[in-house]
PDB file of N, CA and C in Angstrom:
ATOM      1  N   MET A   1     -59.470 139.396 -29.362  1.00  0.00           N
ATOM      2  CA  MET A   1     -58.216 139.127 -30.032  1.00  0.00           C
ATOM      3  C   MET A   1     -58.189 137.657 -30.421  1.00  0.00           C
ATOM      4  N   ALA A   2     -58.066 137.408 -31.722  1.00  0.00           N
ATOM      5  CA  ALA A   2     -58.023 136.038 -32.239  1.00  0.00           C
ATOM      6  C   ALA A   2     -56.582 135.616 -32.457  1.00  0.00           C
ATOM      7  N   THR A   3     -56.274 134.393 -32.032  1.00  0.00           N
ATOM      8  CA  THR A   3     -54.938 133.824 -32.217  1.00  0.00           C
ATOM      9  C   THR A   3     -55.073 132.559 -33.045  1.00  0.00           C
ATOM     10  N   THR A   4     -54.310 132.490 -34.148  1.00  0.00           N
ATOM     11  CA  THR A   4     -54.389 131.356 -35.048  1.00  0.00           C
ATOM     12  C   THR A   4     -53.002 130.779 -35.285  1.00  0.00           C
ATOM     13  N   THR A   5     -52.792 129.524 -34.877  1.00  0.00           N
ATOM     14  CA  THR A   5     -51.549 128.824 -35.166  1.00  0.00           C
ATOM     15  C   THR A   5     -51.662 128.275 -36.574  1.00  0.00           C
ATOM     16  N   LYS A   6     -50.614 128.497 -37.391  1.00  0.00           N
ATOM     17  CA  LYS A   6     -50.737 128.049 -38.773  1.00  0.00           C
ATOM     18  C   LYS A   6     -49.398 127.892 -39.463  1.00  0.00           C
ATOM     19  N   ALA A   7     -49.451 127.234 -40.597  1.00  0.00           N
ATOM     20  CA  ALA A   7     -48.300 127.182 -41.498  1.00  0.00           C
ATOM     21  C   ALA A   7     -48.317 128.509 -42.258  1.00  0.00           C
ATOM     22  N   LEU A   8     -47.282 129.305 -42.074  1.00  0.00           N
ATOM     23  CA  LEU A   8     -47.225 130.606 -42.725  1.00  0.00           C
ATOM     24  C   LEU A   8     -46.787 130.478 -44.179  1.00  0.00           C
ATOM     25  N   ALA A   9     -45.920 129.508 -44.439  1.00  0.00           N
ATOM     26  CA  ALA A   9     -45.465 129.270 -45.817  1.00  0.00           C
ATOM     27  C   ALA A   9     -44.976 127.848 -45.949  1.00  0.00           C
ATOM     28  N   ARG A  10     -45.311 127.229 -47.042  1.00  0.00           N
ATOM     29  CA  ARG A  10     -44.796 125.903 -47.410  1.00  0.00           C
ATOM     30  C   ARG A  10     -44.611 125.929 -48.909  1.00  0.00           C
ATOM     31  N   ALA A  11     -43.351 126.057 -49.323  1.00  0.00           N
ATOM     32  CA  ALA A  11     -43.119 126.237 -50.750  1.00  0.00           C
ATOM     33  C   ALA A  11     -41.718 125.827 -51.153  1.00  0.00           C
ATOM     34  N   ALA A  12     -41.606 125.434 -52.403  1.00  0.00           N
ATOM     35  CA  ALA A  12     -40.289 125.216 -52.989  1.00  0.00           C
ATOM     36  C   ALA A  12     -39.639 126.576 -53.172  1.00  0.00           C
ATOM     37  N   ALA A  13     -38.339 126.612 -52.999  1.00  0.00           N
ATOM     38  CA  ALA A  13     -37.617 127.866 -53.112  1.00  0.00           C
ATOM     39  C   ALA A  13     -37.609 128.385 -54.537  1.00  0.00           C
ATOM     40  N   SER A  14     -37.584 129.687 -54.633  1.00  0.00           N
ATOM     41  CA  SER A  14     -37.358 130.360 -55.909  1.00  0.00           C
ATOM     42  C   SER A  14     -35.853 130.567 -56.039  1.00  0.00           C
ATOM     43  N   LEU A  15     -35.374 130.703 -57.239  1.00  0.00           N
ATOM     44  CA  LEU A  15     -33.956 130.979 -57.446  1.00  0.00           C
ATOM     45  C   LEU A  15     -33.631 132.446 -57.172  1.00  0.00           C
ATOM     46  N   THR A  16     -34.659 133.260 -56.940  1.00  0.00           N
ATOM     47  CA  THR A  16     -34.481 134.662 -56.573  1.00  0.00           C
ATOM     48  C   THR A  16     -34.528 134.771 -55.053  1.00  0.00           C
ATOM     49  N   THR A  17     -33.463 135.262 -54.433  1.00  0.00           N
ATOM     50  CA  THR A  17     -33.384 135.257 -52.968  1.00  0.00           C
ATOM     51  C   THR A  17     -34.285 136.285 -52.297  1.00  0.00           C
ATOM     52  N   THR A  18     -34.892 137.181 -53.048  1.00  0.00           N
ATOM     53  CA  THR A  18     -35.784 138.179 -52.461  1.00  0.00           C
ATOM     54  C   THR A  18     -37.262 137.853 -52.687  1.00  0.00           C
ATOM     55  N   THR A  19     -37.559 136.604 -53.020  1.00  0.00           N
ATOM     56  CA  THR A  19     -38.946 136.179 -53.210  1.00  0.00           C
ATOM     57  C   THR A  19     -39.695 136.268 -51.882  1.00  0.00           C
ATOM     58  N   VAL A  20     -40.877 136.873 -51.882  1.00  0.00           N
ATOM     59  CA  VAL A  20     -41.684 136.979 -50.668  1.00  0.00           C
ATOM     60  C   VAL A  20     -42.331 135.626 -50.377  1.00  0.00           C
ATOM     61  N   LEU A  21     -42.011 135.074 -49.208  1.00  0.00           N
ATOM     62  CA  LEU A  21     -42.573 133.793 -48.779  1.00  0.00           C
ATOM     63  C   LEU A  21     -43.820 133.988 -47.924  1.00  0.00           C
ATOM     64  N   TYR A  22     -43.887 135.131 -47.209  1.00  0.00           N
ATOM     65  CA  TYR A  22     -45.019 135.398 -46.316  1.00  0.00           C
ATOM     66  C   TYR A  22     -45.098 136.899 -46.073  1.00  0.00           C
ATOM     67  N   THR A  23     -46.331 137.409 -46.035  1.00  0.00           N
ATOM     68  CA  THR A  23     -46.590 138.802 -45.676  1.00  0.00           C
ATOM     69  C   THR A  23     -47.594 138.826 -44.538  1.00  0.00           C
ATOM     70  N   VAL A  24     -47.312 139.580 -43.492  1.00  0.00           N
ATOM     71  CA  VAL A  24     -48.241 139.697 -42.365  1.00  0.00           C
ATOM     72  C   VAL A  24     -49.482 140.439 -42.843  1.00  0.00           C
ATOM     73  N   PRO A  25     -50.669 139.848 -42.633  1.00  0.00           N
ATOM     74  CA  PRO A  25     -51.913 140.492 -43.078  1.00  0.00           C
ATOM     75  C   PRO A  25     -52.190 141.810 -42.336  1.00  0.00           C
ATOM     76  N   ALA A  26     -53.079 142.622 -42.902  1.00  0.00           N
ATOM     77  CA  ALA A  26     -53.500 143.875 -42.272  1.00  0.00           C
ATOM     78  C   ALA A  26     -54.085 143.612 -40.893  1.00  0.00           C
ATOM     79  N   SER A  27     -53.861 144.527 -39.980  1.00  0.00           N
ATOM     80  CA  SER A  27     -54.388 144.464 -38.603  1.00  0.00           C
ATOM     81  C   SER A  27     -53.984 143.184 -37.879  1.00  0.00           C
ATOM     82  N   THR A  28     -52.813 142.681 -38.185  1.00  0.00           N
ATOM     83  CA  THR A  28     -52.344 141.418 -37.605  1.00  0.00           C
ATOM     84  C   THR A  28     -50.887 141.545 -37.187  1.00  0.00           C
ATOM     85  N   THR A  29     -50.539 140.863 -36.105  1.00  0.00           N
ATOM     86  CA  THR A  29     -49.149 140.685 -35.679  1.00  0.00           C
ATOM     87  C   THR A  29     -48.864 139.201 -35.794  1.00  0.00           C
ATOM     88  N   THR A  30     -47.692 138.841 -36.272  1.00  0.00           N
ATOM     89  CA  THR A  30     -47.332 137.436 -36.429  1.00  0.00           C
ATOM     90  C   THR A  30     -46.101 137.125 -35.596  1.00  0.00           C
ATOM     91  N   VAL A  31     -46.117 135.962 -34.948  1.00  0.00           N
ATOM     92  CA  VAL A  31     -44.945 135.457 -34.243  1.00  0.00           C
ATOM     93  C   VAL A  31     -44.471 134.221 -35.001  1.00  0.00           C
ATOM     94  N   VAL A  32     -43.289 134.307 -35.584  1.00  0.00           N
ATOM     95  CA  VAL A  32     -42.700 133.169 -36.296  1.00  0.00           C
ATOM     96  C   VAL A  32     -42.033 132.287 -35.251  1.00  0.00           C
ATOM     97  N   SER A  33     -42.352 130.993 -35.255  1.00  0.00           N
ATOM     98  CA  SER A  33     -41.823 130.099 -34.219  1.00  0.00           C
ATOM     99  C   SER A  33     -40.833 129.072 -34.734  1.00  0.00           C
ATOM    100  N   ASN A  34     -40.931 128.692 -36.003  1.00  0.00           N
ATOM    101  CA  ASN A  34     -40.039 127.658 -36.516  1.00  0.00           C
ATOM    102  C   ASN A  34     -39.950 127.751 -38.028  1.00  0.00           C
ATOM    103  N   ILE A  35     -38.748 127.542 -38.531  1.00  0.00           N
ATOM    104  CA  ILE A  35     -38.535 127.465 -39.971  1.00  0.00           C
ATOM    105  C   ILE A  35     -37.740 126.195 -40.239  1.00  0.00           C
ATOM    106  N   ALA A  36     -38.243 125.372 -41.144  1.00  0.00           N
ATOM    107  CA  ALA A  36     -37.507 124.181 -41.580  1.00  0.00           C
ATOM    108  C   ALA A  36     -37.155 124.391 -43.047  1.00  0.00           C
ATOM    109  N   VAL A  37     -35.876 124.198 -43.363  1.00  0.00           N
ATOM    110  CA  VAL A  37     -35.398 124.314 -44.738  1.00  0.00           C
ATOM    111  C   VAL A  37     -34.896 122.928 -45.128  1.00  0.00           C
ATOM    112  N   THR A  38     -35.474 122.351 -46.173  1.00  0.00           N
ATOM    113  CA  THR A  38     -35.167 120.986 -46.585  1.00  0.00           C
ATOM    114  C   THR A  38     -34.563 120.973 -47.979  1.00  0.00           C
ATOM    115  N   ASN A  39     -33.468 120.235 -48.118  1.00  0.00           N
ATOM    116  CA  ASN A  39     -32.852 120.036 -49.427  1.00  0.00           C
ATOM    117  C   ASN A  39     -33.133 118.597 -49.846  1.00  0.00           C
ATOM    118  N   THR A  40     -33.969 118.415 -50.865  1.00  0.00           N
ATOM    119  CA  THR A  40     -34.343 117.077 -51.310  1.00  0.00           C
ATOM    120  C   THR A  40     -33.449 116.551 -52.422  1.00  0.00           C
ATOM    121  N   ALA A  41     -32.438 117.314 -52.789  1.00  0.00           N
ATOM    122  CA  ALA A  41     -31.546 116.920 -53.883  1.00  0.00           C
ATOM    123  C   ALA A  41     -30.386 116.059 -53.389  1.00  0.00           C
ATOM    124  N   ALA A  42     -29.755 115.380 -54.319  1.00  0.00           N
ATOM    125  CA  ALA A  42     -28.589 114.552 -54.010  1.00  0.00           C
ATOM    126  C   ALA A  42     -27.296 115.367 -53.986  1.00  0.00           C
ATOM    127  N   SER A  43     -27.431 116.690 -54.154  1.00  0.00           N
ATOM    128  CA  SER A  43     -26.254 117.556 -54.096  1.00  0.00           C
ATOM    129  C   SER A  43     -26.526 118.724 -53.150  1.00  0.00           C
ATOM    130  N   ALA A  44     -25.452 119.274 -52.582  1.00  0.00           N
ATOM    131  CA  ALA A  44     -25.574 120.391 -51.639  1.00  0.00           C
ATOM    132  C   ALA A  44     -26.100 121.637 -52.339  1.00  0.00           C
ATOM    133  N   GLY A  45     -26.626 122.564 -51.552  1.00  0.00           N
ATOM    134  CA  GLY A  45     -27.116 123.827 -52.082  1.00  0.00           C
ATOM    135  C   GLY A  45     -26.940 124.922 -51.051  1.00  0.00           C
ATOM    136  N   THR A  46     -27.529 126.085 -51.320  1.00  0.00           N
ATOM    137  CA  THR A  46     -27.504 127.203 -50.383  1.00  0.00           C
ATOM    138  C   THR A  46     -28.887 127.834 -50.316  1.00  0.00           C
ATOM    139  N   PHE A  47     -29.155 128.539 -49.198  1.00  0.00           N
ATOM    140  CA  PHE A  47     -30.415 129.263 -49.073  1.00  0.00           C
ATOM    141  C   PHE A  47     -30.180 130.590 -48.373  1.00  0.00           C
ATOM    142  N   THR A  48     -31.128 131.506 -48.584  1.00  0.00           N
ATOM    143  CA  THR A  48     -31.095 132.836 -47.989  1.00  0.00           C
ATOM    144  C   THR A  48     -32.470 133.118 -47.392  1.00  0.00           C
ATOM    145  N   LEU A  49     -32.493 133.707 -46.182  1.00  0.00           N
ATOM    146  CA  LEU A  49     -33.741 134.106 -45.517  1.00  0.00           C
ATOM    147  C   LEU A  49     -33.553 135.470 -44.874  1.00  0.00           C
ATOM    148  N   ALA A  50     -34.601 136.302 -44.932  1.00  0.00           N
ATOM    149  CA  ALA A  50     -34.599 137.602 -44.264  1.00  0.00           C
ATOM    150  C   ALA A  50     -36.023 137.909 -43.828  1.00  0.00           C
ATOM    151  N   MET A  51     -36.170 138.809 -42.843  1.00  0.00           N
ATOM    152  CA  MET A  51     -37.507 139.201 -42.415  1.00  0.00           C
ATOM    153  C   MET A  51     -37.504 140.610 -41.878  1.00  0.00           C
ATOM    154  N   GLY A  52     -38.701 141.204 -41.890  1.00  0.00           N
ATOM    155  CA  GLY A  52     -38.882 142.554 -41.387  1.00  0.00           C
ATOM    156  C   GLY A  52     -39.611 143.425 -42.380  1.00  0.00           C
ATOM    157  N   PRO A  53     -39.578 144.750 -42.159  1.00  0.00           N
ATOM    158  CA  PRO A  53     -40.227 145.652 -43.113  1.00  0.00           C
ATOM    159  C   PRO A  53     -39.496 145.631 -44.442  1.00  0.00           C
ATOM    160  N   SER A  54     -40.223 145.859 -45.514  1.00  0.00           N
ATOM    161  CA  SER A  54     -39.617 145.760 -46.851  1.00  0.00           C
ATOM    162  C   SER A  54     -38.453 146.725 -47.041  1.00  0.00           C
ATOM    163  N   ALA A  55     -38.463 147.832 -46.336  1.00  0.00           N
ATOM    164  CA  ALA A  55     -37.395 148.822 -46.489  1.00  0.00           C
ATOM    165  C   ALA A  55     -36.251 148.625 -45.497  1.00  0.00           C
ATOM    166  N   GLY A  56     -36.249 147.547 -44.744  1.00  0.00           N
ATOM    167  CA  GLY A  56     -35.187 147.355 -43.765  1.00  0.00           C
ATOM    168  C   GLY A  56     -35.121 145.936 -43.244  1.00  0.00           C
ATOM    169  N   GLN A  57     -35.165 144.981 -44.134  1.00  0.00           N
ATOM    170  CA  GLN A  57     -35.145 143.587 -43.703  1.00  0.00           C
ATOM    171  C   GLN A  57     -33.809 143.225 -43.051  1.00  0.00           C
ATOM    172  N   ILE A  58     -33.883 142.310 -42.123  1.00  0.00           N
ATOM    173  CA  ILE A  58     -32.706 141.800 -41.426  1.00  0.00           C
ATOM    174  C   ILE A  58     -32.440 140.386 -41.926  1.00  0.00           C
ATOM    175  N   ALA A  59     -31.219 140.127 -42.346  1.00  0.00           N
ATOM    176  CA  ALA A  59     -30.856 138.795 -42.844  1.00  0.00           C
ATOM    177  C   ALA A  59     -30.762 137.803 -41.692  1.00  0.00           C
ATOM    178  N   LEU A  60     -31.378 136.647 -41.873  1.00  0.00           N
ATOM    179  CA  LEU A  60     -31.231 135.533 -40.930  1.00  0.00           C
ATOM    180  C   LEU A  60     -30.166 134.568 -41.429  1.00  0.00           C
ATOM    181  N   HIS A  61     -30.201 134.297 -42.719  1.00  0.00           N
ATOM    182  CA  HIS A  61     -29.232 133.404 -43.372  1.00  0.00           C
ATOM    183  C   HIS A  61     -28.909 133.986 -44.741  1.00  0.00           C
ATOM    184  N   THR A  62     -27.639 134.096 -45.041  1.00  0.00           N
ATOM    185  CA  THR A  62     -27.209 134.622 -46.329  1.00  0.00           C
ATOM    186  C   THR A  62     -26.326 133.586 -47.007  1.00  0.00           C
ATOM    187  N   THR A  63     -26.823 133.001 -48.068  1.00  0.00           N
ATOM    188  CA  THR A  63     -26.112 131.969 -48.824  1.00  0.00           C
ATOM    189  C   THR A  63     -25.563 130.895 -47.873  1.00  0.00           C
ATOM    190  N   THR A  64     -26.430 130.393 -47.020  1.00  0.00           N
ATOM    191  CA  THR A  64     -26.073 129.361 -46.046  1.00  0.00           C
ATOM    192  C   THR A  64     -26.079 127.993 -46.713  1.00  0.00           C
ATOM    193  N   ALA A  65     -25.023 127.239 -46.495  1.00  0.00           N
ATOM    194  CA  ALA A  65     -24.917 125.905 -47.097  1.00  0.00           C
ATOM    195  C   ALA A  65     -25.899 124.936 -46.444  1.00  0.00           C
ATOM    196  N   ILE A  66     -26.489 124.075 -47.267  1.00  0.00           N
ATOM    197  CA  ILE A  66     -27.331 122.982 -46.779  1.00  0.00           C
ATOM    198  C   ILE A  66     -26.930 121.722 -47.543  1.00  0.00           C
ATOM    199  N   ALA A  67     -26.580 120.699 -46.792  1.00  0.00           N
ATOM    200  CA  ALA A  67     -26.095 119.456 -47.395  1.00  0.00           C
ATOM    201  C   ALA A  67     -27.214 118.737 -48.149  1.00  0.00           C
ATOM    202  N   ALA A  68     -26.826 117.820 -49.003  1.00  0.00           N
ATOM    203  CA  ALA A  68     -27.777 117.014 -49.763  1.00  0.00           C
ATOM    204  C   ALA A  68     -28.675 116.212 -48.818  1.00  0.00           C
ATOM    205  N   ASN A  69     -29.942 116.130 -49.161  1.00  0.00           N
ATOM    206  CA  ASN A  69     -30.914 115.299 -48.426  1.00  0.00           C
ATOM    207  C   ASN A  69     -30.932 115.567 -46.924  1.00  0.00           C
ATOM    208  N   THR A  70     -30.898 116.841 -46.532  1.00  0.00           N
ATOM    209  CA  THR A  70     -30.937 117.198 -45.115  1.00  0.00           C
ATOM    210  C   THR A  70     -31.956 118.302 -44.863  1.00  0.00           C
ATOM    211  N   THR A  71     -32.226 118.520 -43.584  1.00  0.00           N
ATOM    212  CA  THR A  71     -33.117 119.595 -43.154  1.00  0.00           C
ATOM    213  C   THR A  71     -32.407 120.427 -42.095  1.00  0.00           C
ATOM    214  N   VAL A  72     -32.539 121.736 -42.201  1.00  0.00           N
ATOM    215  CA  VAL A  72     -32.034 122.667 -41.204  1.00  0.00           C
ATOM    216  C   VAL A  72     -33.247 123.212 -40.463  1.00  0.00           C
ATOM    217  N   TYR A  73     -33.235 123.121 -39.117  1.00  0.00           N
ATOM    218  CA  TYR A  73     -34.334 123.640 -38.305  1.00  0.00           C
ATOM    219  C   TYR A  73     -33.886 124.921 -37.633  1.00  0.00           C
ATOM    220  N   ILE A  74     -34.698 125.962 -37.773  1.00  0.00           N
ATOM    221  CA  ILE A  74     -34.406 127.254 -37.173  1.00  0.00           C
ATOM    222  C   ILE A  74     -35.528 127.550 -36.189  1.00  0.00           C
ATOM    223  N   ASP A  75     -35.242 127.430 -34.896  1.00  0.00           N
ATOM    224  CA  ASP A  75     -36.231 127.730 -33.859  1.00  0.00           C
ATOM    225  C   ASP A  75     -36.018 129.158 -33.389  1.00  0.00           C
ATOM    226  N   LEU A  76     -37.090 129.962 -33.433  1.00  0.00           N
ATOM    227  CA  LEU A  76     -36.990 131.346 -33.028  1.00  0.00           C
ATOM    228  C   LEU A  76     -38.347 131.844 -32.583  1.00  0.00           C
ATOM    229  N   LYS A  77     -38.353 132.960 -31.933  1.00  0.00           N
ATOM    230  CA  LYS A  77     -39.590 133.656 -31.568  1.00  0.00           C
ATOM    231  C   LYS A  77     -39.411 135.088 -32.047  1.00  0.00           C
ATOM    232  N   GLN A  78     -39.815 135.336 -33.285  1.00  0.00           N
ATOM    233  CA  GLN A  78     -39.634 136.648 -33.904  1.00  0.00           C
ATOM    234  C   GLN A  78     -40.997 137.262 -34.191  1.00  0.00           C
ATOM    235  N   VAL A  79     -41.222 138.471 -33.688  1.00  0.00           N
ATOM    236  CA  VAL A  79     -42.486 139.174 -33.890  1.00  0.00           C
ATOM    237  C   VAL A  79     -42.381 140.032 -35.143  1.00  0.00           C
ATOM    238  N   LEU A  80     -43.396 139.921 -36.001  1.00  0.00           N
ATOM    239  CA  LEU A  80     -43.471 140.717 -37.216  1.00  0.00           C
ATOM    240  C   LEU A  80     -44.761 141.537 -37.197  1.00  0.00           C
ATOM    241  N   ALA A  81     -44.647 142.810 -37.534  1.00  0.00           N
ATOM    242  CA  ALA A  81     -45.801 143.708 -37.555  1.00  0.00           C
ATOM    243  C   ALA A  81     -46.520 143.633 -38.902  1.00  0.00           C
ATOM    244  N   THR A  82     -47.692 144.238 -38.955  1.00  0.00           N
ATOM    245  CA  THR A  82     -48.489 144.303 -40.181  1.00  0.00           C
ATOM    246  C   THR A  82     -47.632 144.727 -41.370  1.00  0.00           C
ATOM    247  N   THR A  83     -47.792 144.037 -42.472  1.00  0.00           N
ATOM    248  CA  THR A  83     -47.115 144.238 -43.768  1.00  0.00           C
ATOM    249  C   THR A  83     -45.644 143.831 -43.782  1.00  0.00           C
ATOM    250  N   ASN A  84     -45.060 143.407 -42.638  1.00  0.00           N
ATOM    251  CA  ASN A  84     -43.686 142.878 -42.672  1.00  0.00           C
ATOM    252  C   ASN A  84     -43.693 141.596 -43.490  1.00  0.00           C
ATOM    253  N   THR A  85     -42.543 141.244 -44.037  1.00  0.00           N
ATOM    254  CA  THR A  85     -42.457 140.055 -44.880  1.00  0.00           C
ATOM    255  C   THR A  85     -41.303 139.161 -44.465  1.00  0.00           C
ATOM    256  N   ILE A  86     -41.392 137.923 -44.903  1.00  0.00           N
ATOM    257  CA  ILE A  86     -40.286 136.978 -44.847  1.00  0.00           C
ATOM    258  C   ILE A  86     -39.923 136.714 -46.302  1.00  0.00           C
ATOM    259  N   THR A  87     -38.671 136.908 -46.649  1.00  0.00           N
ATOM    260  CA  THR A  87     -38.226 136.666 -48.017  1.00  0.00           C
ATOM    261  C   THR A  87     -37.148 135.595 -48.015  1.00  0.00           C
ATOM    262  N   GLY A  88     -36.996 134.944 -49.138  1.00  0.00           N
ATOM    263  CA  GLY A  88     -35.964 133.923 -49.227  1.00  0.00           C
ATOM    264  C   GLY A  88     -35.837 133.380 -50.620  1.00  0.00           C
ATOM    265  N   GLY A  89     -34.879 132.523 -50.771  1.00  0.00           N
ATOM    266  CA  GLY A  89     -34.626 131.871 -52.040  1.00  0.00           C
ATOM    267  C   GLY A  89     -33.490 130.887 -51.853  1.00  0.00           C
ATOM    268  N   ALA A  90     -33.129 130.208 -52.913  1.00  0.00           N
ATOM    269  CA  ALA A  90     -32.105 129.172 -52.796  1.00  0.00           C
ATOM    270  C   ALA A  90     -31.414 128.964 -54.135  1.00  0.00           C
ATOM    271  N   SER A  91     -30.384 128.161 -54.081  1.00  0.00           N
ATOM    272  CA  SER A  91     -29.612 127.880 -55.285  1.00  0.00           C
ATOM    273  C   SER A  91     -30.283 126.844 -56.179  1.00  0.00           C
ATOM    274  N   ALA A  92     -31.330 126.187 -55.669  1.00  0.00           N
ATOM    275  CA  ALA A  92     -32.036 125.162 -56.444  1.00  0.00           C
ATOM    276  C   ALA A  92     -33.486 125.076 -55.984  1.00  0.00           C
ATOM    277  N   ILE A  93     -34.375 124.707 -56.885  1.00  0.00           N
ATOM    278  CA  ILE A  93     -35.794 124.584 -56.522  1.00  0.00           C
ATOM    279  C   ILE A  93     -36.073 123.308 -55.739  1.00  0.00           C
ATOM    280  N   THR A  94     -35.068 122.510 -55.486  1.00  0.00           N
ATOM    281  CA  THR A  94     -35.212 121.304 -54.657  1.00  0.00           C
ATOM    282  C   THR A  94     -35.068 121.639 -53.179  1.00  0.00           C
ATOM    283  N   ILE A  95     -34.889 122.908 -52.864  1.00  0.00           N
ATOM    284  CA  ILE A  95     -34.829 123.357 -51.469  1.00  0.00           C
ATOM    285  C   ILE A  95     -36.197 123.937 -51.125  1.00  0.00           C
ATOM    286  N   ASN A  96     -36.757 123.484 -50.003  1.00  0.00           N
ATOM    287  CA  ASN A  96     -38.110 123.860 -49.609  1.00  0.00           C
ATOM    288  C   ASN A  96     -38.123 124.578 -48.274  1.00  0.00           C
ATOM    289  N   PHE A  97     -39.054 125.545 -48.126  1.00  0.00           N
ATOM    290  CA  PHE A  97     -39.233 126.282 -46.880  1.00  0.00           C
ATOM    291  C   PHE A  97     -40.557 125.875 -46.244  1.00  0.00           C
ATOM    292  N   HIS A  98     -40.524 125.617 -44.949  1.00  0.00           N
ATOM    293  CA  HIS A  98     -41.726 125.335 -44.142  1.00  0.00           C
ATOM    294  C   HIS A  98     -41.656 126.282 -42.955  1.00  0.00           C
ATOM    295  N   ILE A  99     -42.523 127.289 -42.925  1.00  0.00           N
ATOM    296  CA  ILE A  99     -42.480 128.327 -41.898  1.00  0.00           C
ATOM    297  C   ILE A  99     -43.759 128.254 -41.067  1.00  0.00           C
ATOM    298  N   SER A 100     -43.605 128.136 -39.742  1.00  0.00           N
ATOM    299  CA  SER A 100     -44.757 128.025 -38.842  1.00  0.00           C
ATOM    300  C   SER A 100     -44.780 129.199 -37.877  1.00  0.00           C
ATOM    301  N   GLY A 101     -45.978 129.527 -37.403  1.00  0.00           N
ATOM    302  CA  GLY A 101     -46.097 130.612 -36.441  1.00  0.00           C
ATOM    303  C   GLY A 101     -47.521 130.829 -36.002  1.00  0.00           C
ATOM    304  N   VAL A 102     -47.734 131.991 -35.385  1.00  0.00           N
ATOM    305  CA  VAL A 102     -49.039 132.350 -34.839  1.00  0.00           C
ATOM    306  C   VAL A 102     -49.397 133.741 -35.346  1.00  0.00           C
ATOM    307  N   GLU A 103     -50.610 133.883 -35.866  1.00  0.00           N
ATOM    308  CA  GLU A 103     -51.135 135.193 -36.258  1.00  0.00           C
ATOM    309  C   GLU A 103     -52.082 135.682 -35.164  1.00  0.00           C
ATOM    310  N   ILE A 104     -51.905 136.938 -34.762  1.00  0.00           N
ATOM    311  CA  ILE A 104     -52.730 137.545 -33.721  1.00  0.00           C
ATOM    312  C   ILE A 104     -53.433 138.749 -34.339  1.00  0.00           C
ATOM    313  N   SER A 105     -54.766 138.697 -34.343  1.00  0.00           N
ATOM    314  CA  SER A 105     -55.516 139.813 -34.936  1.00  0.00           C
ATOM    315  C   SER A 105     -56.593 140.315 -34.002  1.00  0.00           C
TER     316      SER A 105
END
């Protein structure tokens, strides 16, 4: 069993809140450990995050406000099975997602 600690996603937000940020690879289980959401703009914005199977995702944040020039840290230990996804988006492309975790294969 191989365990790999890695950045699961590092990307500017899409304006579509259902954009796939990460998909668990085949024959792999992923443990998400931390999500940082950063707003680099001089004005406030919002972001949305969800995770789970594509047919039954659970919302973590729905149109959550994020102040200008700030970062929101979300510490969690969430297990995702093969083909599960993390989706998200924001009100502006100046909002960035940094998702860290461990892949177990």
